[in-house]
Every structure is written in structure tokens, then in C-alpha cells.
C-alpha atoms as a PDB file:
ATOM      1  CA  MET A   1       0.000   0.000   0.000  1.00  0.00           C
ATOM      2  CA  GLY A   2       2.978   2.274  -0.405  1.00  0.00           C
ATOM      3  CA  ASN A   3       2.181   4.843  -3.072  1.00  0.00           C
ATOM      4  CA  CYS A   4      -1.610   4.892  -3.252  1.00  0.00           C
ATOM      5  CA  LYS A   5      -4.586   6.877  -2.082  1.00  0.00           C
ATOM      6  CA  ARG A   6      -5.320   6.261   1.547  1.00  0.00           C
ATOM      7  CA  GLY A   7      -9.112   6.265   1.243  1.00  0.00           C
ATOM      8  CA  ARG A   8      -9.170   3.148  -0.883  1.00  0.00           C
ATOM      9  CA  TYR A   9      -7.741   0.957   1.845  1.00  0.00           C
ATOM     10  CA  ASN A  10      -8.685   2.847   4.998  1.00  0.00           C
ATOM     11  CA  HIS A  11     -12.249   1.500   5.013  1.00  0.00           C
ATOM     12  CA  VAL A  12     -10.926  -2.066   4.889  1.00  0.00           C
ATOM     13  CA  LEU A  13      -8.988  -1.536   8.087  1.00  0.00           C
ATOM     14  CA  GLN A  14     -11.813   0.211   9.953  1.00  0.00           C
ATOM     15  CA  ASN A  15     -14.991  -1.534   8.820  1.00  0.00           C
ATOM     16  CA  LEU A  16     -14.523  -5.152   7.789  1.00  0.00           C
ATOM     17  CA  ASN A  17     -18.186  -5.569   6.846  1.00  0.00           C
ATOM     18  CA  ARG A  18     -17.761  -3.120   3.986  1.00  0.00           C
ATOM     19  CA  GLN A  19     -15.510  -5.471   2.022  1.00  0.00           C
ATOM     20  CA  ARG A  20     -16.990  -7.175  -0.993  1.00  0.00           C
ATOM     21  CA  SER A  21     -17.726 -10.874  -0.866  1.00  0.00           C
ATOM     22  CA  LYS A  22     -14.959 -12.887  -2.446  1.00  0.00           C
ATOM     23  CA  SER A  23     -16.883 -16.070  -3.246  1.00  0.00           C
ATOM     24  CA  GLY A  24     -19.415 -14.474  -5.580  1.00  0.00           C
ATOM     25  CA  SER A  25     -21.270 -17.076  -7.627  1.00  0.00           C
ATOM     26  CA  LYS A  26     -18.698 -19.811  -7.120  1.00  0.00           C
ATOM     27  CA  TYR A  27     -21.253 -22.395  -5.966  1.00  0.00           C
ATOM     28  CA  SER A  28     -23.738 -21.906  -8.770  1.00  0.00           C
ATOM     29  CA  LYS A  29     -20.938 -21.893 -11.345  1.00  0.00           C
ATOM     30  CA  SER A  30     -19.626 -25.221 -10.079  1.00  0.00           C
ATOM     31  CA  VAL A  31     -23.104 -26.762 -10.436  1.00  0.00           C
ATOM     32  CA  ASP A  32     -23.447 -25.257 -13.922  1.00  0.00           C
ATOM     33  CA  SER A  33     -20.085 -26.613 -15.015  1.00  0.00           C
ATOM     34  CA  TYR A  34     -20.971 -30.134 -13.854  1.00  0.00           C
ATOM     35  CA  ILE A  35     -24.289 -30.021 -15.734  1.00  0.00           C
ATOM     36  CA  ASN A  36     -22.515 -28.737 -18.849  1.00  0.00           C
ATOM     37  CA  LEU A  37     -20.077 -31.643 -18.605  1.00  0.00           C
ATOM     38  CA  LEU A  38     -22.987 -34.068 -18.451  1.00  0.00           C
ATOM     39  CA  LYS A  39     -24.519 -32.467 -21.549  1.00  0.00           C
ATOM     40  CA  ARG A  40     -21.217 -32.670 -23.348  1.00  0.00           C
ATOM     41  CA  GLU A  41     -20.770 -36.305 -22.361  1.00  0.00           C
ATOM     42  CA  LYS A  42     -24.195 -37.080 -23.791  1.00  0.00           C
ATOM     43  CA  ASN A  43     -23.332 -35.421 -27.116  1.00  0.00           C
ATOM     44  CA  GLU A  44     -19.686 -36.455 -27.566  1.00  0.00           C
ATOM     45  CA  GLY A  45     -19.504 -39.677 -25.608  1.00  0.00           C
ATOM     46  CA  GLU A  46     -17.119 -40.544 -22.801  1.00  0.00           C
ATOM     47  CA  THR A  47     -13.729 -39.093 -23.707  1.00  0.00           C
ATOM     48  CA  LYS A  48     -10.658 -39.034 -21.504  1.00  0.00           C
ATOM     49  CA  TRP A  49     -10.894 -35.268 -21.124  1.00  0.00           C
ATOM     50  CA  ILE A  50     -14.516 -35.441 -19.955  1.00  0.00           C
ATOM     51  CA  VAL A  51     -13.728 -38.194 -17.446  1.00  0.00           C
ATOM     52  CA  ASP A  52     -10.906 -36.116 -15.913  1.00  0.00           C
ATOM     53  CA  ALA A  53     -13.001 -32.950 -15.926  1.00  0.00           C
ATOM     54  CA  LYS A  54     -15.886 -34.765 -14.214  1.00  0.00           C
ATOM     55  CA  LYS A  55     -13.525 -36.003 -11.489  1.00  0.00           C
ATOM     56  CA  ARG A  56     -12.311 -32.458 -10.883  1.00  0.00           C
ATOM     57  CA  SER A  57     -15.835 -31.089 -10.921  1.00  0.00           C
ATOM     58  CA  ILE A  58     -17.095 -33.717  -8.465  1.00  0.00           C
ATOM     59  CA  ASN A  59     -14.171 -32.956  -6.146  1.00  0.00           C
ATOM     60  CA  LYS A  60     -15.051 -29.276  -6.274  1.00  0.00           C
ATOM     61  CA  LEU A  61     -18.705 -30.009  -5.479  1.00  0.00           C
ATOM     62  CA  ASN A  62     -17.644 -32.126  -2.507  1.00  0.00           C
ATOM     63  CA  LYS A  63     -15.276 -29.389  -1.339  1.00  0.00           C
ATOM     64  CA  TYR A  64     -18.105 -26.835  -1.376  1.00  0.00           C
ATOM     65  CA  GLY A  65     -20.491 -29.267   0.327  1.00  0.00           C
ATOM     66  CA  ILE A  66     -22.930 -29.487  -2.582  1.00  0.00           C
ATOM     67  CA  SER A  67     -24.793 -32.793  -2.737  1.00  0.00           C
ATOM     68  CA  MET A  68     -25.692 -34.690  -5.895  1.00  0.00           C
ATOM     69  CA  ASP A  69     -29.351 -34.436  -4.903  1.00  0.00           C
ATOM     70  CA  TYR A  70     -29.080 -30.661  -5.188  1.00  0.00           C
ATOM     71  CA  VAL A  71     -27.433 -30.968  -8.609  1.00  0.00           C
ATOM     72  CA  LYS A  72     -30.193 -33.327  -9.743  1.00  0.00           C
ATOM     73  CA  GLY A  73     -32.790 -30.842  -8.502  1.00  0.00           C
ATOM     74  CA  VAL A  74     -31.198 -28.040 -10.495  1.00  0.00           C
ATOM     75  CA  ALA A  75     -31.103 -30.251 -13.588  1.00  0.00           C
ATOM     76  CA  GLU A  76     -34.766 -31.143 -13.151  1.00  0.00           C
ATOM     77  CA  LYS A  77     -35.683 -27.457 -12.952  1.00  0.00           C
ATOM     78  CA  ARG A  78     -33.930 -26.994 -16.300  1.00  0.00           C
ATOM     79  CA  ASN A  79     -35.760 -30.007 -17.800  1.00  0.00           C
ATOM     80  CA  LEU A  80     -32.567 -32.079 -18.029  1.00  0.00           C
ATOM     81  CA  LYS A  81     -33.743 -35.205 -16.183  1.00  0.00           C
ATOM     82  CA  ASP A  82     -32.320 -37.513 -18.846  1.00  0.00           C
ATOM     83  CA  LEU A  83     -28.716 -36.581 -17.980  1.00  0.00           C
ATOM     84  CA  PHE A  84     -28.788 -38.656 -14.776  1.00  0.00           C
END
């Protein structure tokens, strides 16, 4: 913070609740990416890339504490029941 305007960082030190949220839409994007992988697997078949990407995506869902029931519910709302 050497050569910068003081007002930009002063509020961070005084009022921590004023900071922006860092997670954003991380959870919904992880669900969307898993559903997109399922769509892609249906169209292209089971490739090595898709298998690896699904493993990574499932690990991310587990890390965030998102259950497969929730993912299935989101897919059903989008009329994508046939992916599961």
C-alpha cells in the first residue's frame, strides 16, 4: 500500500463488513459446469478429457459441500432429467 490513495484501503482496516464478498457465484458456477459436462458427455460420448473434468468437478462439489441431490434438482428445474 505504499504509493496509493489512503481512502481506498482505509475502510478495509476500519470496517470489515464493507468489504466485498470474495466467493461471488462460485457455488452456482460449479453446479453449472458439472451439468454442462454431463450435456457434453451425452453429445460427444465418454472421452478421456470429460472423465478427468468430471472427477475435478465432483471434487469441487464435494469441497463446497454441494450434494448430488441438489445438482439433480437443479437439472430437473432446467428439464434435463435424462442426464442422470
